[in-house]
Amino acid sequence: MKRFVLHPEAFADLNEIWEYIATDSPDAADRVLDEMYEAITSLASFPQAGHSRPDLTSRPLRFQIVRDYVIAYAPDLKPVAVVAILHGRRNPRVLAAILNQRS
């Protein structure tokens, strides 16, 4: 059984992150994605480990930080569903808008 699923746009987020970092160092990009997948796998085992962000969404999402990125996921779904992986320095209104677009 799968421990987590990635929303199609969350998968695209990972690809964009990799491509951005890989312009300087493909090895560094690989390491960052490895850390992301390690964190997501851990969240699948301990889905309540992240924190809530009612300032970003009223949905029952939780958030985990990895480096400069925020992983938004639905802890109550089985398997855990990753909704988005976004740079944490984005404007909170932009983050909220992105999260509202993804179901």
PDB file of N, CA and C in Angstrom:
ATOM      1  N   MET A   1       0.843  -1.188   0.000  1.00  0.00           N
ATOM      2  CA  MET A   1       0.000   0.000   0.000  1.00  0.00           C
ATOM      3  C   MET A   1       0.886   1.249   0.000  1.00  0.00           C
ATOM      4  N   LYS A   2       0.486   2.231  -0.787  1.00  0.00           N
ATOM      5  CA  LYS A   2       1.223   3.491  -0.827  1.00  0.00           C
ATOM      6  C   LYS A   2       1.087   4.215   0.502  1.00  0.00           C
ATOM      7  N   ARG A   3       2.177   4.836   0.942  1.00  0.00           N
ATOM      8  CA  ARG A   3       2.163   5.556   2.210  1.00  0.00           C
ATOM      9  C   ARG A   3       1.757   7.014   2.015  1.00  0.00           C
ATOM     10  N   PHE A   4       1.943   7.526   0.791  1.00  0.00           N
ATOM     11  CA  PHE A   4       1.537   8.894   0.492  1.00  0.00           C
ATOM     12  C   PHE A   4       1.268   9.017  -1.001  1.00  0.00           C
ATOM     13  N   VAL A   5       0.518  10.050  -1.344  1.00  0.00           N
ATOM     14  CA  VAL A   5       0.297  10.384  -2.752  1.00  0.00           C
ATOM     15  C   VAL A   5       0.629  11.856  -2.929  1.00  0.00           C
ATOM     16  N   LEU A   6       1.105  12.182  -4.108  1.00  0.00           N
ATOM     17  CA  LEU A   6       1.384  13.570  -4.452  1.00  0.00           C
ATOM     18  C   LEU A   6       0.287  14.082  -5.378  1.00  0.00           C
ATOM     19  N   HIS A   7      -0.295  15.211  -5.025  1.00  0.00           N
ATOM     20  CA  HIS A   7      -1.202  15.908  -5.931  1.00  0.00           C
ATOM     21  C   HIS A   7      -0.396  16.156  -7.212  1.00  0.00           C
ATOM     22  N   PRO A   8      -1.008  16.074  -8.391  1.00  0.00           N
ATOM     23  CA  PRO A   8      -0.239  16.303  -9.629  1.00  0.00           C
ATOM     24  C   PRO A   8       0.542  17.624  -9.609  1.00  0.00           C
ATOM     25  N   GLU A   9      -0.028  18.646  -9.024  1.00  0.00           N
ATOM     26  CA  GLU A   9       0.682  19.930  -8.985  1.00  0.00           C
ATOM     27  C   GLU A   9       1.801  19.912  -7.940  1.00  0.00           C
ATOM     28  N   ALA A  10       1.681  19.093  -6.900  1.00  0.00           N
ATOM     29  CA  ALA A  10       2.775  18.946  -5.938  1.00  0.00           C
ATOM     30  C   ALA A  10       3.948  18.243  -6.612  1.00  0.00           C
ATOM     31  N   PHE A  11       3.640  17.276  -7.471  1.00  0.00           N
ATOM     32  CA  PHE A  11       4.687  16.620  -8.241  1.00  0.00           C
ATOM     33  C   PHE A  11       5.371  17.638  -9.147  1.00  0.00           C
ATOM     34  N   ALA A  12       4.581  18.511  -9.770  1.00  0.00           N
ATOM     35  CA  ALA A  12       5.145  19.576 -10.606  1.00  0.00           C
ATOM     36  C   ALA A  12       5.983  20.537  -9.756  1.00  0.00           C
ATOM     37  N   ASP A  13       5.532  20.813  -8.523  1.00  0.00           N
ATOM     38  CA  ASP A  13       6.321  21.662  -7.620  1.00  0.00           C
ATOM     39  C   ASP A  13       7.708  21.071  -7.413  1.00  0.00           C
ATOM     40  N   LEU A  14       7.769  19.759  -7.154  1.00  0.00           N
ATOM     41  CA  LEU A  14       9.059  19.097  -6.946  1.00  0.00           C
ATOM     42  C   LEU A  14       9.939  19.204  -8.187  1.00  0.00           C
ATOM     43  N   ASN A  15       9.348  19.018  -9.342  1.00  0.00           N
ATOM     44  CA  ASN A  15      10.119  19.142 -10.578  1.00  0.00           C
ATOM     45  C   ASN A  15      10.675  20.555 -10.750  1.00  0.00           C
ATOM     46  N   GLU A  16       9.851  21.552 -10.458  1.00  0.00           N
ATOM     47  CA  GLU A  16      10.305  22.943 -10.572  1.00  0.00           C
ATOM     48  C   GLU A  16      11.428  23.238  -9.584  1.00  0.00           C
ATOM     49  N   ILE A  17      11.304  22.735  -8.366  1.00  0.00           N
ATOM     50  CA  ILE A  17      12.344  22.928  -7.357  1.00  0.00           C
ATOM     51  C   ILE A  17      13.646  22.295  -7.837  1.00  0.00           C
ATOM     52  N   TRP A  18      13.554  21.061  -8.337  1.00  0.00           N
ATOM     53  CA  TRP A  18      14.747  20.382  -8.813  1.00  0.00           C
ATOM     54  C   TRP A  18      15.398  21.170  -9.955  1.00  0.00           C
ATOM     55  N   GLU A  19      14.593  21.582 -10.930  1.00  0.00           N
ATOM     56  CA  GLU A  19      15.131  22.312 -12.078  1.00  0.00           C
ATOM     57  C   GLU A  19      15.799  23.618 -11.655  1.00  0.00           C
ATOM     58  N   TYR A  20      15.193  24.328 -10.725  1.00  0.00           N
ATOM     59  CA  TYR A  20      15.758  25.600 -10.269  1.00  0.00           C
ATOM     60  C   TYR A  20      17.120  25.381  -9.610  1.00  0.00           C
ATOM     61  N   ILE A  21      17.188  24.425  -8.699  1.00  0.00           N
ATOM     62  CA  ILE A  21      18.445  24.168  -7.989  1.00  0.00           C
ATOM     63  C   ILE A  21      19.481  23.549  -8.928  1.00  0.00           C
ATOM     64  N   ALA A  22      19.039  22.721  -9.847  1.00  0.00           N
ATOM     65  CA  ALA A  22      19.954  22.020 -10.755  1.00  0.00           C
ATOM     66  C   ALA A  22      20.673  22.965 -11.712  1.00  0.00           C
ATOM     67  N   THR A  23      20.153  24.163 -11.921  1.00  0.00           N
ATOM     68  CA  THR A  23      20.871  25.099 -12.784  1.00  0.00           C
ATOM     69  C   THR A  23      22.248  25.414 -12.213  1.00  0.00           C
ATOM     70  N   ASP A  24      22.368  25.345 -10.882  1.00  0.00           N
ATOM     71  CA  ASP A  24      23.658  25.545 -10.224  1.00  0.00           C
ATOM     72  C   ASP A  24      24.346  24.228  -9.908  1.00  0.00           C
ATOM     73  N   SER A  25      23.567  23.216  -9.488  1.00  0.00           N
ATOM     74  CA  SER A  25      24.168  21.950  -9.069  1.00  0.00           C
ATOM     75  C   SER A  25      23.138  20.827  -9.091  1.00  0.00           C
ATOM     76  N   PRO A  26      23.218  19.955 -10.088  1.00  0.00           N
ATOM     77  CA  PRO A  26      22.308  18.805 -10.109  1.00  0.00           C
ATOM     78  C   PRO A  26      22.442  17.925  -8.864  1.00  0.00           C
ATOM     79  N   ASP A  27      23.646  17.796  -8.338  1.00  0.00           N
ATOM     80  CA  ASP A  27      23.833  16.986  -7.132  1.00  0.00           C
ATOM     81  C   ASP A  27      23.089  17.597  -5.942  1.00  0.00           C
ATOM     82  N   ALA A  28      23.172  18.917  -5.805  1.00  0.00           N
ATOM     83  CA  ALA A  28      22.451  19.592  -4.720  1.00  0.00           C
ATOM     84  C   ALA A  28      20.946  19.438  -4.908  1.00  0.00           C
ATOM     85  N   ALA A  29      20.483  19.525  -6.149  1.00  0.00           N
ATOM     86  CA  ALA A  29      19.058  19.358  -6.433  1.00  0.00           C
ATOM     87  C   ALA A  29      18.598  17.957  -6.037  1.00  0.00           C
ATOM     88  N   ASP A  30      19.414  16.959  -6.334  1.00  0.00           N
ATOM     89  CA  ASP A  30      19.086  15.589  -5.939  1.00  0.00           C
ATOM     90  C   ASP A  30      19.010  15.457  -4.420  1.00  0.00           C
ATOM     91  N   ARG A  31      19.943  16.089  -3.715  1.00  0.00           N
ATOM     92  CA  ARG A  31      19.946  16.008  -2.251  1.00  0.00           C
ATOM     93  C   ARG A  31      18.694  16.662  -1.656  1.00  0.00           C
ATOM     94  N   VAL A  32      18.299  17.803  -2.199  1.00  0.00           N
ATOM     95  CA  VAL A  32      17.108  18.488  -1.689  1.00  0.00           C
ATOM     96  C   VAL A  32      15.876  17.617  -1.912  1.00  0.00           C
ATOM     97  N   LEU A  33      15.740  17.042  -3.101  1.00  0.00           N
ATOM     98  CA  LEU A  33      14.579  16.183  -3.351  1.00  0.00           C
ATOM     99  C   LEU A  33      14.611  14.941  -2.469  1.00  0.00           C
ATOM    100  N   ASP A  34      15.789  14.393  -2.231  1.00  0.00           N
ATOM    101  CA  ASP A  34      15.889  13.254  -1.306  1.00  0.00           C
ATOM    102  C   ASP A  34      15.381  13.647   0.075  1.00  0.00           C
ATOM    103  N   GLU A  35      15.750  14.841   0.542  1.00  0.00           N
ATOM    104  CA  GLU A  35      15.274  15.321   1.844  1.00  0.00           C
ATOM    105  C   GLU A  35      13.762  15.498   1.846  1.00  0.00           C
ATOM    106  N   MET A  36      13.229  16.000   0.735  1.00  0.00           N
ATOM    107  CA  MET A  36      11.773  16.180   0.631  1.00  0.00           C
ATOM    108  C   MET A  36      11.061  14.831   0.746  1.00  0.00           C
ATOM    109  N   TYR A  37      11.522  13.854  -0.027  1.00  0.00           N
ATOM    110  CA  TYR A  37      10.883  12.544   0.002  1.00  0.00           C
ATOM    111  C   TYR A  37      11.052  11.870   1.360  1.00  0.00           C
ATOM    112  N   GLU A  38      12.185  12.072   1.994  1.00  0.00           N
ATOM    113  CA  GLU A  38      12.392  11.521   3.335  1.00  0.00           C
ATOM    114  C   GLU A  38      11.399  12.139   4.325  1.00  0.00           C
ATOM    115  N   ALA A  39      11.208  13.460   4.237  1.00  0.00           N
ATOM    116  CA  ALA A  39      10.255  14.141   5.119  1.00  0.00           C
ATOM    117  C   ALA A  39       8.829  13.666   4.849  1.00  0.00           C
ATOM    118  N   ILE A  40       8.475  13.522   3.590  1.00  0.00           N
ATOM    119  CA  ILE A  40       7.121  13.087   3.240  1.00  0.00           C
ATOM    120  C   ILE A  40       6.877  11.662   3.728  1.00  0.00           C
ATOM    121  N   THR A  41       7.860  10.803   3.577  1.00  0.00           N
ATOM    122  CA  THR A  41       7.735   9.424   4.066  1.00  0.00           C
ATOM    123  C   THR A  41       7.550   9.409   5.577  1.00  0.00           C
ATOM    124  N   SER A  42       8.279  10.273   6.270  1.00  0.00           N
ATOM    125  CA  SER A  42       8.138  10.381   7.721  1.00  0.00           C
ATOM    126  C   SER A  42       6.739  10.875   8.099  1.00  0.00           C
ATOM    127  N   LEU A  43       6.229  11.833   7.328  1.00  0.00           N
ATOM    128  CA  LEU A  43       4.884  12.351   7.601  1.00  0.00           C
ATOM    129  C   LEU A  43       3.829  11.267   7.398  1.00  0.00           C
ATOM    130  N   ALA A  44       4.073  10.365   6.478  1.00  0.00           N
ATOM    131  CA  ALA A  44       3.124   9.271   6.259  1.00  0.00           C
ATOM    132  C   ALA A  44       3.032   8.391   7.507  1.00  0.00           C
ATOM    133  N   SER A  45       4.151   8.247   8.213  1.00  0.00           N
ATOM    134  CA  SER A  45       4.155   7.451   9.447  1.00  0.00           C
ATOM    135  C   SER A  45       3.614   8.228  10.638  1.00  0.00           C
ATOM    136  N   PHE A  46       3.854   9.533  10.645  1.00  0.00           N
ATOM    137  CA  PHE A  46       3.432  10.404  11.751  1.00  0.00           C
ATOM    138  C   PHE A  46       2.720  11.629  11.182  1.00  0.00           C
ATOM    139  N   PRO A  47       1.492  11.444  10.665  1.00  0.00           N
ATOM    140  CA  PRO A  47       0.826  12.522   9.927  1.00  0.00           C
ATOM    141  C   PRO A  47       0.499  13.771  10.749  1.00  0.00           C
ATOM    142  N   GLN A  48       0.443  13.666  12.062  1.00  0.00           N
ATOM    143  CA  GLN A  48       0.141  14.851  12.862  1.00  0.00           C
ATOM    144  C   GLN A  48       1.406  15.618  13.266  1.00  0.00           C
ATOM    145  N   ALA A  49       2.560  15.211  12.738  1.00  0.00           N
ATOM    146  CA  ALA A  49       3.829  15.832  13.115  1.00  0.00           C
ATOM    147  C   ALA A  49       3.933  17.289  12.659  1.00  0.00           C
ATOM    148  N   GLY A  50       3.298  17.629  11.574  1.00  0.00           N
ATOM    149  CA  GLY A  50       3.366  18.997  11.068  1.00  0.00           C
ATOM    150  C   GLY A  50       2.520  19.940  11.902  1.00  0.00           C
ATOM    151  N   HIS A  51       2.529  21.190  11.501  1.00  0.00           N
ATOM    152  CA  HIS A  51       1.756  22.200  12.230  1.00  0.00           C
ATOM    153  C   HIS A  51       0.634  22.730  11.346  1.00  0.00           C
ATOM    154  N   SER A  52      -0.380  23.293  11.975  1.00  0.00           N
ATOM    155  CA  SER A  52      -1.501  23.861  11.210  1.00  0.00           C
ATOM    156  C   SER A  52      -1.192  25.313  10.881  1.00  0.00           C
ATOM    157  N   ARG A  53      -1.849  25.827   9.866  1.00  0.00           N
ATOM    158  CA  ARG A  53      -1.685  27.221   9.454  1.00  0.00           C
ATOM    159  C   ARG A  53      -3.055  27.798   9.106  1.00  0.00           C
ATOM    160  N   PRO A  54      -3.871  28.096  10.129  1.00  0.00           N
ATOM    161  CA  PRO A  54      -5.197  28.640   9.836  1.00  0.00           C
ATOM    162  C   PRO A  54      -5.136  29.989   9.127  1.00  0.00           C
ATOM    163  N   ASP A  55      -3.976  30.642   9.158  1.00  0.00           N
ATOM    164  CA  ASP A  55      -3.829  31.904   8.430  1.00  0.00           C
ATOM    165  C   ASP A  55      -3.730  31.683   6.920  1.00  0.00           C
ATOM    166  N   LEU A  56      -3.438  30.440   6.503  1.00  0.00           N
ATOM    167  CA  LEU A  56      -3.301  30.144   5.076  1.00  0.00           C
ATOM    168  C   LEU A  56      -4.501  29.419   4.487  1.00  0.00           C
ATOM    169  N   THR A  57      -5.153  28.580   5.312  1.00  0.00           N
ATOM    170  CA  THR A  57      -6.277  27.799   4.779  1.00  0.00           C
ATOM    171  C   THR A  57      -7.181  27.342   5.916  1.00  0.00           C
ATOM    172  N   SER A  58      -8.452  27.226   5.604  1.00  0.00           N
ATOM    173  CA  SER A  58      -9.398  26.677   6.580  1.00  0.00           C
ATOM    174  C   SER A  58      -9.500  25.159   6.418  1.00  0.00           C
ATOM    175  N   ARG A  59      -8.886  24.638   5.376  1.00  0.00           N
ATOM    176  CA  ARG A  59      -8.876  23.186   5.158  1.00  0.00           C
ATOM    177  C   ARG A  59      -8.036  22.521   6.242  1.00  0.00           C
ATOM    178  N   PRO A  60      -8.294  21.262   6.529  1.00  0.00           N
ATOM    179  CA  PRO A  60      -7.550  20.565   7.585  1.00  0.00           C
ATOM    180  C   PRO A  60      -6.173  20.096   7.106  1.00  0.00           C
ATOM    181  N   LEU A  61      -5.391  21.038   6.605  1.00  0.00           N
ATOM    182  CA  LEU A  61      -4.042  20.726   6.137  1.00  0.00           C
ATOM    183  C   LEU A  61      -3.042  20.948   7.253  1.00  0.00           C
ATOM    184  N   ARG A  62      -1.916  20.268   7.140  1.00  0.00           N
ATOM    185  CA  ARG A  62      -0.797  20.481   8.051  1.00  0.00           C
ATOM    186  C   ARG A  62       0.419  20.817   7.196  1.00  0.00           C
ATOM    187  N   PHE A  63       1.429  21.382   7.845  1.00  0.00           N
ATOM    188  CA  PHE A  63       2.584  21.895   7.127  1.00  0.00           C
ATOM    189  C   PHE A  63       3.868  21.437   7.793  1.00  0.00           C
ATOM    190  N   GLN A  64       4.834  21.082   6.959  1.00  0.00           N
ATOM    191  CA  GLN A  64       6.152  20.675   7.436  1.00  0.00           C
ATOM    192  C   GLN A  64       7.192  21.468   6.644  1.00  0.00           C
ATOM    193  N   ILE A  65       8.184  21.982   7.315  1.00  0.00           N
ATOM    194  CA  ILE A  65       9.229  22.753   6.659  1.00  0.00           C
ATOM    195  C   ILE A  65      10.432  21.857   6.385  1.00  0.00           C
ATOM    196  N   VAL A  66      10.932  21.947   5.165  1.00  0.00           N
ATOM    197  CA  VAL A  66      12.173  21.280   4.767  1.00  0.00           C
ATOM    198  C   VAL A  66      13.005  22.319   4.033  1.00  0.00           C
ATOM    199  N   ARG A  67      14.128  22.676   4.647  1.00  0.00           N
ATOM    200  CA  ARG A  67      14.981  23.752   4.138  1.00  0.00           C
ATOM    201  C   ARG A  67      14.135  25.014   4.031  1.00  0.00           C
ATOM    202  N   ASP A  68      14.054  25.604   2.832  1.00  0.00           N
ATOM    203  CA  ASP A  68      13.267  26.835   2.650  1.00  0.00           C
ATOM    204  C   ASP A  68      11.872  26.552   2.114  1.00  0.00           C
ATOM    205  N   TYR A  69      11.473  25.299   2.107  1.00  0.00           N
ATOM    206  CA  TYR A  69      10.209  24.909   1.485  1.00  0.00           C
ATOM    207  C   TYR A  69       9.189  24.434   2.511  1.00  0.00           C
ATOM    208  N   VAL A  70       7.934  24.615   2.153  1.00  0.00           N
ATOM    209  CA  VAL A  70       6.822  24.200   3.002  1.00  0.00           C
ATOM    210  C   VAL A  70       6.063  23.092   2.271  1.00  0.00           C
ATOM    211  N   ILE A  71       5.925  21.970   2.946  1.00  0.00           N
ATOM    212  CA  ILE A  71       5.130  20.869   2.415  1.00  0.00           C
ATOM    213  C   ILE A  71       3.749  20.962   3.042  1.00  0.00           C
ATOM    214  N   ALA A  72       2.726  21.138   2.212  1.00  0.00           N
ATOM    215  CA  ALA A  72       1.334  21.187   2.681  1.00  0.00           C
ATOM    216  C   ALA A  72       0.703  19.839   2.378  1.00  0.00           C
ATOM    217  N   TYR A  73       0.091  19.231   3.396  1.00  0.00           N
ATOM    218  CA  TYR A  73      -0.462  17.890   3.207  1.00  0.00           C
ATOM    219  C   TYR A  73      -1.728  17.696   4.023  1.00  0.00           C
ATOM    220  N   ALA A  74      -2.514  16.722   3.582  1.00  0.00           N
ATOM    221  CA  ALA A  74      -3.760  16.358   4.265  1.00  0.00           C
ATOM    222  C   ALA A  74      -3.471  15.133   5.122  1.00  0.00           C
ATOM    223  N   PRO A  75      -3.341  15.309   6.440  1.00  0.00           N
ATOM    224  CA  PRO A  75      -2.948  14.200   7.309  1.00  0.00           C
ATOM    225  C   PRO A  75      -4.032  13.155   7.532  1.00  0.00           C
ATOM    226  N   ASP A  76      -5.288  13.531   7.324  1.00  0.00           N
ATOM    227  CA  ASP A  76      -6.384  12.620   7.627  1.00  0.00           C
ATOM    228  C   ASP A  76      -6.721  11.676   6.483  1.00  0.00           C
ATOM    229  N   LEU A  77      -6.145  11.910   5.313  1.00  0.00           N
ATOM    230  CA  LEU A  77      -6.406  11.021   4.182  1.00  0.00           C
ATOM    231  C   LEU A  77      -5.487   9.817   4.263  1.00  0.00           C
ATOM    232  N   LYS A  78      -5.972   8.707   3.772  1.00  0.00           N
ATOM    233  CA  LYS A  78      -5.172   7.485   3.717  1.00  0.00           C
ATOM    234  C   LYS A  78      -5.090   7.045   2.269  1.00  0.00           C
ATOM    235  N   PRO A  79      -3.936   7.086   1.655  1.00  0.00           N
ATOM    236  CA  PRO A  79      -2.667   7.546   2.205  1.00  0.00           C
ATOM    237  C   PRO A  79      -2.626   9.062   2.337  1.00  0.00           C
ATOM    238  N   VAL A  80      -1.659   9.539   3.119  1.00  0.00           N
ATOM    239  CA  VAL A  80      -1.460  10.979   3.301  1.00  0.00           C
ATOM    240  C   VAL A  80      -1.294  11.615   1.923  1.00  0.00           C
ATOM    241  N   ALA A  81      -1.969  12.746   1.711  1.00  0.00           N
ATOM    242  CA  ALA A  81      -1.931  13.410   0.409  1.00  0.00           C
ATOM    243  C   ALA A  81      -1.151  14.717   0.502  1.00  0.00           C
ATOM    244  N   VAL A  82      -0.085  14.819  -0.281  1.00  0.00           N
ATOM    245  CA  VAL A  82       0.704  16.048  -0.347  1.00  0.00           C
ATOM    246  C   VAL A  82       0.049  16.946  -1.389  1.00  0.00           C
ATOM    247  N   VAL A  83      -0.362  18.133  -0.950  1.00  0.00           N
ATOM    248  CA  VAL A  83      -1.101  19.060  -1.802  1.00  0.00           C
ATOM    249  C   VAL A  83      -0.167  20.016  -2.532  1.00  0.00           C
ATOM    250  N   ALA A  84       0.888  20.464  -1.835  1.00  0.00           N
ATOM    251  CA  ALA A  84       1.790  21.446  -2.427  1.00  0.00           C
ATOM    252  C   ALA A  84       3.140  21.419  -1.726  1.00  0.00           C
ATOM    253  N   ILE A  85       4.164  21.808  -2.472  1.00  0.00           N
ATOM    254  CA  ILE A  85       5.501  22.004  -1.924  1.00  0.00           C
ATOM    255  C   ILE A  85       5.978  23.335  -2.483  1.00  0.00           C
ATOM    256  N   LEU A  86       6.003  24.341  -1.619  1.00  0.00           N
ATOM    257  CA  LEU A  86       6.213  25.715  -2.057  1.00  0.00           C
ATOM    258  C   LEU A  86       7.320  26.389  -1.265  1.00  0.00           C
ATOM    259  N   HIS A  87       7.935  27.390  -1.874  1.00  0.00           N
ATOM    260  CA  HIS A  87       8.975  28.132  -1.166  1.00  0.00           C
ATOM    261  C   HIS A  87       8.321  28.902  -0.024  1.00  0.00           C
ATOM    262  N   GLY A  88       8.890  28.775   1.158  1.00  0.00           N
ATOM    263  CA  GLY A  88       8.306  29.366   2.355  1.00  0.00           C
ATOM    264  C   GLY A  88       8.395  30.874   2.438  1.00  0.00           C
ATOM    265  N   ARG A  89       9.186  31.500   1.577  1.00  0.00           N
ATOM    266  CA  ARG A  89       9.314  32.961   1.619  1.00  0.00           C
ATOM    267  C   ARG A  89       8.319  33.672   0.717  1.00  0.00           C
ATOM    268  N   ARG A  90       7.438  32.900   0.114  1.00  0.00           N
ATOM    269  CA  ARG A  90       6.391  33.535  -0.695  1.00  0.00           C
ATOM    270  C   ARG A  90       5.452  34.308   0.217  1.00  0.00           C
ATOM    271  N   ASN A  91       4.820  35.284  -0.361  1.00  0.00           N
ATOM    272  CA  ASN A  91       3.830  36.066   0.357  1.00  0.00           C
ATOM    273  C   ASN A  91       2.726  35.119   0.853  1.00  0.00           C
ATOM    274  N   PRO A  92       2.323  35.229   2.125  1.00  0.00           N
ATOM    275  CA  PRO A  92       1.265  34.345   2.648  1.00  0.00           C
ATOM    276  C   PRO A  92      -0.023  34.386   1.830  1.00  0.00           C
ATOM    277  N   ARG A  93      -0.347  35.534   1.258  1.00  0.00           N
ATOM    278  CA  ARG A  93      -1.551  35.602   0.427  1.00  0.00           C
ATOM    279  C   ARG A  93      -1.406  34.753  -0.828  1.00  0.00           C
ATOM    280  N   VAL A  94      -0.210  34.734  -1.387  1.00  0.00           N
ATOM    281  CA  VAL A  94       0.043  33.907  -2.570  1.00  0.00           C
ATOM    282  C   VAL A  94      -0.035  32.428  -2.187  1.00  0.00           C
ATOM    283  N   LEU A  95       0.566  32.072  -1.063  1.00  0.00           N
ATOM    284  CA  LEU A  95       0.485  30.684  -0.588  1.00  0.00           C
ATOM    285  C   LEU A  95      -0.971  30.276  -0.389  1.00  0.00           C
ATOM    286  N   ALA A  96      -1.746  31.128   0.251  1.00  0.00           N
ATOM    287  CA  ALA A  96      -3.162  30.827   0.498  1.00  0.00           C
ATOM    288  C   ALA A  96      -3.918  30.651  -0.817  1.00  0.00           C
ATOM    289  N   ALA A  97      -3.643  31.493  -1.797  1.00  0.00           N
ATOM    290  CA  ALA A  97      -4.324  31.400  -3.084  1.00  0.00           C
ATOM    291  C   ALA A  97      -3.984  30.080  -3.785  1.00  0.00           C
ATOM    292  N   ILE A  98      -2.716  29.699  -3.749  1.00  0.00           N
ATOM    293  CA  ILE A  98      -2.298  28.436  -4.366  1.00  0.00           C
ATOM    294  C   ILE A  98      -3.004  27.265  -3.689  1.00  0.00           C
ATOM    295  N   LEU A  99      -3.021  27.265  -2.372  1.00  0.00           N
ATOM    296  CA  LEU A  99      -3.665  26.169  -1.625  1.00  0.00           C
ATOM    297  C   LEU A  99      -5.154  26.108  -1.922  1.00  0.00           C
ATOM    298  N   ASN A 100      -5.800  27.252  -2.070  1.00  0.00           N
ATOM    299  CA  ASN A 100      -7.241  27.259  -2.366  1.00  0.00           C
ATOM    300  C   ASN A 100      -7.546  26.707  -3.752  1.00  0.00           C
ATOM    301  N   GLN A 101      -6.601  26.829  -4.679  1.00  0.00           N
ATOM    302  CA  GLN A 101      -6.805  26.333  -6.041  1.00  0.00           C
ATOM    303  C   GLN A 101      -6.669  24.830  -6.134  1.00  0.00           C
ATOM    304  N   ARG A 102      -5.962  24.243  -5.187  1.00  0.00           N
ATOM    305  CA  ARG A 102      -5.695  22.799  -5.242  1.00  0.00           C
ATOM    306  C   ARG A 102      -6.668  22.051  -4.346  1.00  0.00           C
ATOM    307  N   SER A 103      -7.359  21.083  -4.935  1.00  0.00           N
ATOM    308  CA  SER A 103      -8.330  20.330  -4.132  1.00  0.00           C
ATOM    309  C   SER A 103      -7.851  18.936  -3.854  1.00  0.00           C
TER     310      SER A 103
END
